Amino acid sequence: MPNRKRWSRQELLIAFWLYCQMPFGKLHSRNPDIIKYAKHIGRTPSALAMKLNNIASLDPAIVSTGRKGLSGASSADKKMWNEMQQDWEGFALETENEISCITIDTSLTKNSVDPLEKAHYAGSEKEVKTKVRIGQHFFRRSVLSAYNYKCCITGLAVPSLLVASHIVPWRSDVKNRLNPKNGLSLSIIHDKAFDLGIITVNDDMTIRVSEGFASENDCFFQMALKSYENKPVSLPEKFAPDIELLSYHRKHIFQR
């Protein structure tokens, strides 16, 4: 008989953490990481995979493309989904603390700091730095997994050359610092160009390139940046970028 006991908060935290950190295509019972975490919480891999797909049914980025996940999301699932949306930082810290108590060797718990970490630490206390680093790890994995570890502009699929780039900078929006809908998966060069306002993303999810940075004789600029003008970015499988945050980037960061 399947295990039908009610999911505890600790179990749900682990399930939601896995949903945030895994590509959508890996939310199945054959995934070695799901097998390991299921064993730890006393659930079958099928039960954990089913819970992850129930969570997916709550994600607008999933259902807007015609995918539905599973339809059995519980009231507790919906409550935690709303809790996560309202306080990404609190959710990230609580889930990461829960995961830190588990000694499981998986691909999800390896060091995954951005190659160009851009956090601005507010003070020098160790606790502050630790919280920021935990948040950076959570944000990076959530964003990159949503884009299946590929640059949404070029398709580059080398994780060590990818950055979870904030749409609205870390220092400018405390509420959305760890919100994966405030992120794009970009190569290092395109992340820097996005930060500097050389490129931005339109509401129709196409690239816009500023005119004022390089001449037509700059072949690399033409190839690496200008050639992508008006081309669509690849959309994520979950946590679609927030239109209002993209609008902020165009108004306040993009060099018109």
Protein backbone atom coordinates (compact mmCIF):
# COMPACT_ATOMS: atom_id res chain seq x y z
CA MET A 1 0.00 0.00 0.00
CA PRO A 2 1.30 3.52 -0.77
CA ASN A 3 2.39 5.69 2.09
CA ARG A 4 -0.52 8.08 2.71
CA LYS A 5 0.52 9.76 5.95
CA ARG A 6 0.22 13.53 5.97
CA TRP A 7 3.32 15.37 4.85
CA SER A 8 5.06 17.19 7.69
CA ARG A 9 6.40 20.72 7.29
CA GLN A 10 9.96 19.37 7.23
CA GLU A 11 9.08 16.96 4.42
CA LEU A 12 7.34 19.70 2.46
CA LEU A 13 10.32 22.02 2.88
CA ILE A 14 12.57 19.36 1.37
CA ALA A 15 10.11 18.75 -1.47
CA PHE A 16 9.81 22.45 -2.29
CA TRP A 17 13.58 22.86 -2.08
CA LEU A 18 13.99 20.03 -4.58
CA TYR A 19 11.40 21.62 -6.88
CA CYS A 20 13.32 24.89 -6.83
CA GLN A 21 16.70 23.27 -7.38
CA MET A 22 15.94 20.65 -10.08
CA PRO A 23 15.16 21.05 -13.78
CA PHE A 24 11.53 20.22 -14.48
CA GLY A 25 12.50 17.27 -16.66
CA LYS A 26 14.21 15.56 -13.72
CA LEU A 27 11.21 15.47 -11.39
CA HIS A 28 10.72 11.73 -11.73
CA SER A 29 11.15 8.70 -9.50
CA ARG A 30 14.22 7.40 -11.39
CA ASN A 31 16.27 10.49 -10.54
CA PRO A 32 19.08 9.33 -8.17
CA ASP A 33 18.76 12.51 -6.08
CA ILE A 34 15.04 12.00 -5.61
CA ILE A 35 15.69 8.39 -4.61
CA LYS A 36 18.20 9.52 -1.95
CA TYR A 37 16.02 12.27 -0.49
CA ALA A 38 12.93 10.02 -0.53
CA LYS A 39 14.78 7.44 1.52
CA HIS A 40 15.81 10.08 4.04
CA ILE A 41 12.27 11.32 4.65
CA GLY A 42 10.75 7.85 4.66
CA ARG A 43 8.83 8.21 1.40
CA THR A 44 9.01 6.18 -1.77
CA PRO A 45 10.68 7.81 -4.80
CA SER A 46 7.29 7.66 -6.56
CA ALA A 47 5.60 9.50 -3.68
CA LEU A 48 8.25 12.24 -3.64
CA ALA A 49 8.18 12.58 -7.44
CA MET A 50 4.38 12.83 -7.30
CA LYS A 51 4.62 15.57 -4.68
CA LEU A 52 7.07 17.50 -6.88
CA ASN A 53 4.67 17.28 -9.80
CA ASN A 54 1.82 18.41 -7.55
CA ILE A 55 3.92 21.46 -6.73
CA ALA A 56 4.53 22.01 -10.45
CA SER A 57 0.77 22.33 -10.97
CA LEU A 58 0.91 25.52 -8.86
CA ASP A 59 3.59 27.16 -11.05
CA PRO A 60 2.11 29.53 -13.68
CA ALA A 61 5.20 29.02 -15.85
CA ILE A 62 4.32 25.32 -16.05
CA VAL A 63 0.58 25.52 -16.64
CA SER A 64 0.81 28.44 -19.10
CA THR A 65 2.58 26.15 -21.58
CA GLY A 66 -0.09 23.47 -21.40
CA ARG A 67 1.78 21.27 -18.95
CA LYS A 68 -0.22 20.58 -15.83
CA GLY A 69 1.99 18.56 -13.52
CA LEU A 70 -0.41 16.58 -11.36
CA SER A 71 -3.72 17.83 -10.06
CA GLY A 72 -3.44 16.60 -6.48
CA ALA A 73 -1.85 19.64 -4.82
CA SER A 74 -3.01 19.75 -1.21
CA SER A 75 -4.03 22.78 0.83
CA ALA A 76 -0.65 22.48 2.60
CA ASP A 77 1.11 22.56 -0.79
CA LYS A 78 -0.79 25.70 -1.78
CA LYS A 79 -0.09 27.34 1.57
CA MET A 80 3.65 26.71 1.28
CA TRP A 81 3.67 27.89 -2.35
CA ASN A 82 2.14 31.21 -1.25
CA GLU A 83 4.51 31.41 1.70
CA MET A 84 7.45 30.92 -0.66
CA GLN A 85 6.23 33.64 -3.04
CA GLN A 86 5.73 36.15 -0.25
CA ASP A 87 9.09 35.70 1.49
CA TRP A 88 11.76 34.16 -0.73
CA GLU A 89 14.58 34.99 1.66
CA GLY A 90 12.88 33.43 4.68
CA PHE A 91 11.90 30.40 2.63
CA ALA A 92 15.40 29.95 1.22
CA LEU A 93 17.02 30.14 4.65
CA GLU A 94 14.55 27.72 6.23
CA THR A 95 14.84 25.16 3.45
CA GLU A 96 18.62 25.39 3.30
CA ASN A 97 18.82 24.95 7.07
CA GLU A 98 16.64 21.87 6.77
CA ILE A 99 18.82 20.47 3.98
CA SER A 100 22.01 21.23 5.92
CA CYS A 101 20.89 18.71 8.54
CA ILE A 102 20.90 15.95 5.93
CA THR A 103 24.15 14.22 5.07
CA ILE A 104 23.38 13.10 1.53
CA ASP A 105 25.98 13.25 -1.22
CA THR A 106 24.08 14.53 -4.26
CA SER A 107 24.73 16.85 -7.16
CA LEU A 108 22.40 19.42 -5.55
CA THR A 109 24.49 20.02 -2.44
CA LYS A 110 27.82 20.66 -4.14
CA ASN A 111 29.33 24.13 -4.09
CA SER A 112 27.59 26.23 -6.69
CA VAL A 113 28.58 29.84 -6.10
CA ASP A 114 28.30 32.15 -9.09
CA PRO A 115 31.66 32.45 -10.91
CA LEU A 116 31.27 36.21 -10.50
CA GLU A 117 29.50 36.55 -7.16
CA LYS A 118 28.13 40.09 -6.90
CA ALA A 119 26.63 40.12 -3.41
CA HIS A 120 27.08 43.30 -1.39
CA TYR A 121 27.48 42.24 2.23
CA ALA A 122 25.74 44.60 4.63
CA GLY A 123 28.32 44.53 7.39
CA SER A 124 31.10 42.22 8.38
CA GLU A 125 29.39 39.83 10.79
CA LYS A 126 29.85 36.19 9.97
CA GLU A 127 26.14 35.48 10.37
CA VAL A 128 25.24 38.09 7.75
CA LYS A 129 27.81 36.72 5.31
CA THR A 130 26.61 33.17 5.88
CA LYS A 131 22.99 34.11 5.20
CA VAL A 132 23.95 35.96 2.04
CA ARG A 133 26.00 33.03 0.76
CA ILE A 134 23.17 30.58 1.52
CA GLY A 135 20.82 32.84 -0.40
CA GLN A 136 23.23 33.10 -3.32
CA HIS A 137 23.44 29.31 -3.55
CA PHE A 138 19.66 28.94 -3.46
CA PHE A 139 19.11 31.66 -6.06
CA ARG A 140 21.76 30.33 -8.44
CA ARG A 141 20.48 26.76 -8.42
CA SER A 142 16.84 27.86 -8.69
CA VAL A 143 17.49 30.08 -11.70
CA LEU A 144 19.91 27.83 -13.57
CA SER A 145 17.77 24.73 -13.06
CA ALA A 146 14.75 26.63 -14.41
CA TYR A 147 16.69 27.21 -17.64
CA ASN A 148 18.03 23.65 -17.63
CA TYR A 149 21.56 24.98 -17.06
CA LYS A 150 21.73 26.86 -20.37
CA CYS A 151 22.25 30.53 -21.22
CA CYS A 152 18.84 31.85 -22.27
CA ILE A 153 20.44 34.00 -25.01
CA THR A 154 23.11 31.78 -26.55
CA GLY A 155 22.24 28.29 -25.38
CA LEU A 156 25.69 27.86 -23.80
CA ALA A 157 25.46 24.80 -21.54
CA VAL A 158 28.67 24.96 -19.48
CA PRO A 159 27.53 25.56 -15.86
CA SER A 160 30.86 27.03 -14.78
CA LEU A 161 30.41 29.75 -17.42
CA LEU A 162 26.83 30.59 -16.41
CA VAL A 163 25.59 33.21 -13.97
CA ALA A 164 22.23 33.50 -12.28
CA SER A 165 21.85 37.15 -13.22
CA HIS A 166 19.54 39.42 -11.22
CA ILE A 167 17.08 41.42 -13.34
CA VAL A 168 16.71 44.04 -10.61
CA PRO A 169 20.07 44.27 -8.84
CA TRP A 170 20.61 42.67 -5.43
CA ARG A 171 21.15 46.05 -3.77
CA SER A 172 17.99 47.59 -5.27
CA ASP A 173 15.22 45.20 -4.23
CA VAL A 174 15.50 43.34 -0.93
CA LYS A 175 12.15 41.56 -1.39
CA ASN A 176 13.15 39.97 -4.71
CA ARG A 177 16.81 39.22 -4.02
CA LEU A 178 16.21 35.48 -3.93
CA ASN A 179 13.11 35.33 -6.13
CA PRO A 180 14.04 33.15 -9.15
CA LYS A 181 11.55 35.17 -11.22
CA ASN A 182 14.05 38.00 -10.74
CA GLY A 183 16.71 35.96 -12.51
CA LEU A 184 18.00 35.02 -15.95
CA SER A 185 20.50 32.30 -16.78
CA LEU A 186 23.25 34.06 -18.74
CA SER A 187 26.79 33.43 -19.85
CA ILE A 188 29.40 35.46 -18.00
CA ILE A 189 29.75 38.01 -20.81
CA HIS A 190 26.01 38.43 -21.30
CA ASP A 191 25.51 38.73 -17.55
CA LYS A 192 27.99 41.61 -17.49
CA ALA A 193 26.35 43.24 -20.50
CA PHE A 194 22.96 42.91 -18.82
CA ASP A 195 24.28 44.40 -15.56
CA LEU A 196 25.75 47.37 -17.42
CA GLY A 197 22.59 47.98 -19.40
CA ILE A 198 24.15 47.15 -22.75
CA ILE A 199 21.40 44.61 -23.34
CA THR A 200 17.90 44.17 -21.92
CA VAL A 201 14.81 42.05 -22.50
CA ASN A 202 11.54 43.35 -23.94
CA ASP A 203 8.06 42.34 -22.75
CA ASP A 204 7.83 39.96 -25.72
CA MET A 205 11.01 38.27 -24.40
CA THR A 206 13.23 39.47 -27.23
CA ILE A 207 16.68 41.02 -26.82
CA ARG A 208 17.32 44.73 -27.19
CA VAL A 209 20.89 46.00 -27.61
CA SER A 210 22.03 49.53 -26.78
CA GLU A 211 23.39 51.49 -29.71
CA GLY A 212 26.07 53.45 -27.88
CA PHE A 213 28.77 50.95 -26.98
CA ALA A 214 30.64 49.79 -30.08
CA SER A 215 31.14 50.65 -33.72
CA GLU A 216 30.36 48.41 -36.66
CA ASN A 217 34.10 47.68 -36.84
CA ASP A 218 33.98 45.89 -33.49
CA CYS A 219 33.49 42.39 -34.84
CA PHE A 220 33.28 40.71 -31.45
CA PHE A 221 30.58 43.08 -30.22
CA GLN A 222 28.61 42.48 -33.40
CA MET A 223 28.92 38.71 -33.06
CA ALA A 224 28.51 38.28 -29.30
CA LEU A 225 25.84 40.92 -28.62
CA LYS A 226 24.44 42.84 -31.59
CA SER A 227 23.64 39.69 -33.56
CA TYR A 228 21.08 38.72 -30.90
CA GLU A 229 19.01 41.89 -31.27
CA ASN A 230 15.28 41.11 -31.64
CA LYS A 231 15.91 37.41 -31.15
CA PRO A 232 13.84 35.68 -28.45
CA VAL A 233 15.41 34.38 -25.27
CA SER A 234 14.77 30.78 -24.33
CA LEU A 235 12.02 30.68 -21.73
CA PRO A 236 12.54 28.76 -18.49
CA GLU A 237 10.64 25.60 -17.65
CA LYS A 238 9.55 27.14 -14.32
CA PHE A 239 9.72 30.52 -12.57
CA ALA A 240 9.19 32.68 -15.68
CA PRO A 241 10.83 36.13 -15.41
CA ASP A 242 8.59 38.77 -13.91
CA ILE A 243 7.38 41.32 -16.48
CA GLU A 244 7.42 44.18 -13.95
CA LEU A 245 11.02 43.43 -12.99
CA LEU A 246 12.04 43.39 -16.65
CA SER A 247 10.30 46.76 -17.06
CA TYR A 248 12.39 48.12 -14.17
CA HIS A 249 15.56 46.95 -15.90
CA ARG A 250 14.62 48.70 -19.15
CA LYS A 251 13.71 51.94 -17.38
CA HIS A 252 16.52 52.21 -14.84
CA ILE A 253 19.47 50.13 -16.07
CA PHE A 254 19.32 49.83 -19.86
CA GLN A 255 21.45 52.47 -21.61
CA ARG A 256 19.03 53.89 -24.16
